Amino acid sequence: MTTGIREGLGVHAEALVLRNARNSLLTSNIANAATPGYKARDFDFEQQLAMQTHGSGAMKTSHDRHLGIGSVADTSPGYRVPVVPSLDGNTVDMAVEQMEFAENSVRYQSSLEFLNRRVGGLMRVINGGE
């Protein structure tokens, strides 16, 4: 997102996009609960949000030949470690997936509500306080 929009809407705009992406992953996990060999996927929401709002987190260097250290690891969705391994190789644990989906959905709704209020406030300012 551009800096102007980020300043106007805060971190909730990025959070909403990430929550939506996470809901898609969790929904896919739930839909494939009976698929043999399916590997449940997820990502670390806080790490992704930090990447979106603060950049890569890599240490700055003063010369091209200096080695950068402290960069954030790859943040693409990873595979969930199964709590109870299944015989068919499926790693979806329905209780975990449903809990994660419910929590993520509530947080998505909260971010959406915050953004709606923020946009309403900005519209009042633009319209002269009507």
C-alpha atoms as a PDB file:
ATOM      1  CA  MET A   1       0.000   0.000   0.000  1.00  0.00           C
ATOM      2  CA  THR A   2       1.114   3.519  -0.561  1.00  0.00           C
ATOM      3  CA  THR A   3       2.350   5.568   2.365  1.00  0.00           C
ATOM      4  CA  GLY A   4      -0.570   8.054   2.202  1.00  0.00           C
ATOM      5  CA  ILE A   5      -3.185   5.337   2.425  1.00  0.00           C
ATOM      6  CA  ARG A   6      -1.273   3.568   5.207  1.00  0.00           C
ATOM      7  CA  GLU A   7      -1.130   6.783   7.224  1.00  0.00           C
ATOM      8  CA  GLY A   8      -4.849   7.360   6.717  1.00  0.00           C
ATOM      9  CA  LEU A   9      -6.007   3.837   7.515  1.00  0.00           C
ATOM     10  CA  GLY A  10      -3.264   2.537   9.744  1.00  0.00           C
ATOM     11  CA  VAL A  11      -2.112  -1.049   9.945  1.00  0.00           C
ATOM     12  CA  HIS A  12      -5.648  -2.410   9.610  1.00  0.00           C
ATOM     13  CA  ALA A  13      -5.645  -2.161   5.808  1.00  0.00           C
ATOM     14  CA  GLU A  14      -2.657  -4.512   5.546  1.00  0.00           C
ATOM     15  CA  ALA A  15      -4.077  -6.710   8.305  1.00  0.00           C
ATOM     16  CA  LEU A  16      -7.342  -7.096   6.400  1.00  0.00           C
ATOM     17  CA  VAL A  17      -5.557  -8.307   3.264  1.00  0.00           C
ATOM     18  CA  LEU A  18      -3.446 -10.772   5.258  1.00  0.00           C
ATOM     19  CA  ARG A  19      -6.438 -12.034   7.262  1.00  0.00           C
ATOM     20  CA  ASN A  20      -8.274 -12.677   3.993  1.00  0.00           C
ATOM     21  CA  ALA A  21      -5.312 -14.631   2.594  1.00  0.00           C
ATOM     22  CA  ARG A  22      -5.069 -16.652   5.819  1.00  0.00           C
ATOM     23  CA  ASN A  23      -8.808 -17.413   5.726  1.00  0.00           C
ATOM     24  CA  SER A  24      -8.327 -18.803   2.213  1.00  0.00           C
ATOM     25  CA  LEU A  25      -5.524 -21.088   3.392  1.00  0.00           C
ATOM     26  CA  LEU A  26      -7.484 -22.296   6.408  1.00  0.00           C
ATOM     27  CA  THR A  27     -10.595 -22.889   4.283  1.00  0.00           C
ATOM     28  CA  SER A  28      -8.519 -24.957   1.868  1.00  0.00           C
ATOM     29  CA  ASN A  29      -7.166 -26.989   4.777  1.00  0.00           C
ATOM     30  CA  ILE A  30     -10.674 -27.700   6.064  1.00  0.00           C
ATOM     31  CA  ALA A  31     -11.954 -28.589   2.590  1.00  0.00           C
ATOM     32  CA  ASN A  32      -9.123 -31.111   2.146  1.00  0.00           C
ATOM     33  CA  ALA A  33      -9.438 -32.763   5.556  1.00  0.00           C
ATOM     34  CA  ALA A  34     -10.258 -36.135   3.954  1.00  0.00           C
ATOM     35  CA  THR A  35      -7.766 -35.913   1.069  1.00  0.00           C
ATOM     36  CA  PRO A  36      -5.020 -38.520   1.510  1.00  0.00           C
ATOM     37  CA  GLY A  37      -1.560 -36.958   1.581  1.00  0.00           C
ATOM     38  CA  TYR A  38      -2.818 -33.362   1.841  1.00  0.00           C
ATOM     39  CA  LYS A  39      -0.500 -31.147   3.879  1.00  0.00           C
ATOM     40  CA  ALA A  40      -2.150 -28.378   5.913  1.00  0.00           C
ATOM     41  CA  ARG A  41      -0.679 -24.921   5.210  1.00  0.00           C
ATOM     42  CA  ASP A  42      -0.567 -21.719   7.217  1.00  0.00           C
ATOM     43  CA  PHE A  43       1.628 -18.665   7.784  1.00  0.00           C
ATOM     44  CA  ASP A  44       2.738 -16.595  10.743  1.00  0.00           C
ATOM     45  CA  PHE A  45       0.349 -13.633  10.656  1.00  0.00           C
ATOM     46  CA  GLU A  46       2.435 -11.396  12.923  1.00  0.00           C
ATOM     47  CA  GLN A  47       5.577 -11.976  10.865  1.00  0.00           C
ATOM     48  CA  GLN A  48       3.743 -11.259   7.612  1.00  0.00           C
ATOM     49  CA  LEU A  49       2.185  -8.094   9.053  1.00  0.00           C
ATOM     50  CA  ALA A  50       5.589  -6.899  10.244  1.00  0.00           C
ATOM     51  CA  MET A  51       6.947  -7.495   6.737  1.00  0.00           C
ATOM     52  CA  GLN A  52       4.094  -5.498   5.201  1.00  0.00           C
ATOM     53  CA  THR A  53       4.340  -2.567   7.583  1.00  0.00           C
ATOM     54  CA  HIS A  54       8.069  -2.332   8.343  1.00  0.00           C
ATOM     55  CA  GLY A  55       9.759  -3.795   5.293  1.00  0.00           C
ATOM     56  CA  SER A  56      12.057  -6.777   5.227  1.00  0.00           C
ATOM     57  CA  GLY A  57      13.712  -6.088   8.561  1.00  0.00           C
ATOM     58  CA  ALA A  58      17.148  -6.628   7.038  1.00  0.00           C
ATOM     59  CA  MET A  59      20.103  -4.888   8.624  1.00  0.00           C
ATOM     60  CA  LYS A  60      21.317  -1.904   6.635  1.00  0.00           C
ATOM     61  CA  THR A  61      24.824  -2.074   5.205  1.00  0.00           C
ATOM     62  CA  SER A  62      27.096   0.802   4.295  1.00  0.00           C
ATOM     63  CA  HIS A  63      28.773  -0.889   1.321  1.00  0.00           C
ATOM     64  CA  ASP A  64      27.624  -3.265  -1.434  1.00  0.00           C
ATOM     65  CA  ARG A  65      30.194  -5.866  -0.433  1.00  0.00           C
ATOM     66  CA  HIS A  66      29.079  -6.006   3.209  1.00  0.00           C
ATOM     67  CA  LEU A  67      27.067  -9.041   4.235  1.00  0.00           C
ATOM     68  CA  GLY A  68      23.566  -8.313   5.470  1.00  0.00           C
ATOM     69  CA  ILE A  69      22.487 -10.146   8.603  1.00  0.00           C
ATOM     70  CA  GLY A  70      19.273 -10.318  10.539  1.00  0.00           C
ATOM     71  CA  SER A  71      16.955 -10.462   7.558  1.00  0.00           C
ATOM     72  CA  VAL A  72      13.520 -11.946   7.992  1.00  0.00           C
ATOM     73  CA  ALA A  73      13.224 -15.529   6.789  1.00  0.00           C
ATOM     74  CA  ASP A  74      11.044 -16.561   3.866  1.00  0.00           C
ATOM     75  CA  THR A  75       7.457 -15.746   4.828  1.00  0.00           C
ATOM     76  CA  SER A  76       5.610 -17.822   2.253  1.00  0.00           C
ATOM     77  CA  PRO A  77       3.000 -20.202   3.667  1.00  0.00           C
ATOM     78  CA  GLY A  78       4.551 -23.208   5.323  1.00  0.00           C
ATOM     79  CA  TYR A  79       3.241 -26.600   6.303  1.00  0.00           C
ATOM     80  CA  ARG A  80       1.565 -27.105   9.650  1.00  0.00           C
ATOM     81  CA  VAL A  81       3.161 -29.665  11.955  1.00  0.00           C
ATOM     82  CA  PRO A  82       0.473 -32.276  12.697  1.00  0.00           C
ATOM     83  CA  VAL A  83      -0.628 -32.739  16.292  1.00  0.00           C
ATOM     84  CA  VAL A  84      -1.848 -36.267  15.588  1.00  0.00           C
ATOM     85  CA  PRO A  85      -0.302 -37.821  12.462  1.00  0.00           C
ATOM     86  CA  SER A  86      -2.680 -39.774  10.255  1.00  0.00           C
ATOM     87  CA  LEU A  87      -1.969 -43.034   8.458  1.00  0.00           C
ATOM     88  CA  ASP A  88      -2.842 -41.583   5.038  1.00  0.00           C
ATOM     89  CA  GLY A  89      -0.346 -38.702   5.332  1.00  0.00           C
ATOM     90  CA  ASN A  90      -2.988 -35.980   5.745  1.00  0.00           C
ATOM     91  CA  THR A  91      -1.870 -33.353   8.296  1.00  0.00           C
ATOM     92  CA  VAL A  92      -5.209 -31.544   8.723  1.00  0.00           C
ATOM     93  CA  ASP A  93      -6.458 -31.554  12.320  1.00  0.00           C
ATOM     94  CA  MET A  94     -10.051 -30.326  12.087  1.00  0.00           C
ATOM     95  CA  ALA A  95     -10.157 -29.035  15.673  1.00  0.00           C
ATOM     96  CA  VAL A  96      -7.031 -26.922  15.118  1.00  0.00           C
ATOM     97  CA  GLU A  97      -8.165 -25.673  11.698  1.00  0.00           C
ATOM     98  CA  GLN A  98     -11.650 -24.734  12.920  1.00  0.00           C
ATOM     99  CA  MET A  99     -10.241 -22.917  15.945  1.00  0.00           C
ATOM    100  CA  GLU A 100      -7.705 -21.010  13.823  1.00  0.00           C
ATOM    101  CA  PHE A 101     -10.389 -20.167  11.242  1.00  0.00           C
ATOM    102  CA  ALA A 102     -12.815 -18.891  13.893  1.00  0.00           C
ATOM    103  CA  GLU A 103     -10.150 -16.737  15.557  1.00  0.00           C
ATOM    104  CA  ASN A 104      -8.926 -15.352  12.243  1.00  0.00           C
ATOM    105  CA  SER A 105     -12.508 -14.582  11.132  1.00  0.00           C
ATOM    106  CA  VAL A 106     -13.246 -12.630  14.321  1.00  0.00           C
ATOM    107  CA  ARG A 107     -10.034 -10.638  13.882  1.00  0.00           C
ATOM    108  CA  TYR A 108     -10.871 -10.044  10.206  1.00  0.00           C
ATOM    109  CA  GLN A 109     -14.278  -8.692  11.226  1.00  0.00           C
ATOM    110  CA  SER A 110     -12.657  -6.438  13.833  1.00  0.00           C
ATOM    111  CA  SER A 111     -10.232  -4.978  11.282  1.00  0.00           C
ATOM    112  CA  LEU A 112     -13.078  -4.482   8.826  1.00  0.00           C
ATOM    113  CA  GLU A 113     -15.172  -2.675  11.424  1.00  0.00           C
ATOM    114  CA  PHE A 114     -12.237  -0.448  12.376  1.00  0.00           C
ATOM    115  CA  LEU A 115     -11.619   0.428   8.717  1.00  0.00           C
ATOM    116  CA  ASN A 116     -15.300   1.192   8.159  1.00  0.00           C
ATOM    117  CA  ARG A 117     -15.270   3.612  11.082  1.00  0.00           C
ATOM    118  CA  ARG A 118     -12.000   5.169   9.932  1.00  0.00           C
ATOM    119  CA  VAL A 119     -13.282   5.678   6.372  1.00  0.00           C
ATOM    120  CA  GLY A 120     -16.520   7.137   7.772  1.00  0.00           C
ATOM    121  CA  GLY A 121     -14.488   9.598   9.821  1.00  0.00           C
ATOM    122  CA  LEU A 122     -12.358  10.553   6.830  1.00  0.00           C
ATOM    123  CA  MET A 123     -15.492  11.071   4.733  1.00  0.00           C
ATOM    124  CA  ARG A 124     -16.921  13.390   7.397  1.00  0.00           C
ATOM    125  CA  VAL A 125     -13.694  15.415   7.323  1.00  0.00           C
ATOM    126  CA  ILE A 126     -13.712  15.559   3.508  1.00  0.00           C
ATOM    127  CA  ASN A 127     -17.357  16.644   3.470  1.00  0.00           C
ATOM    128  CA  GLY A 128     -16.719  19.399   5.999  1.00  0.00           C
ATOM    129  CA  GLY A 129     -18.034  17.709   9.136  1.00  0.00           C
ATOM    130  CA  GLU A 130     -21.558  17.002   7.897  1.00  0.00           C
END
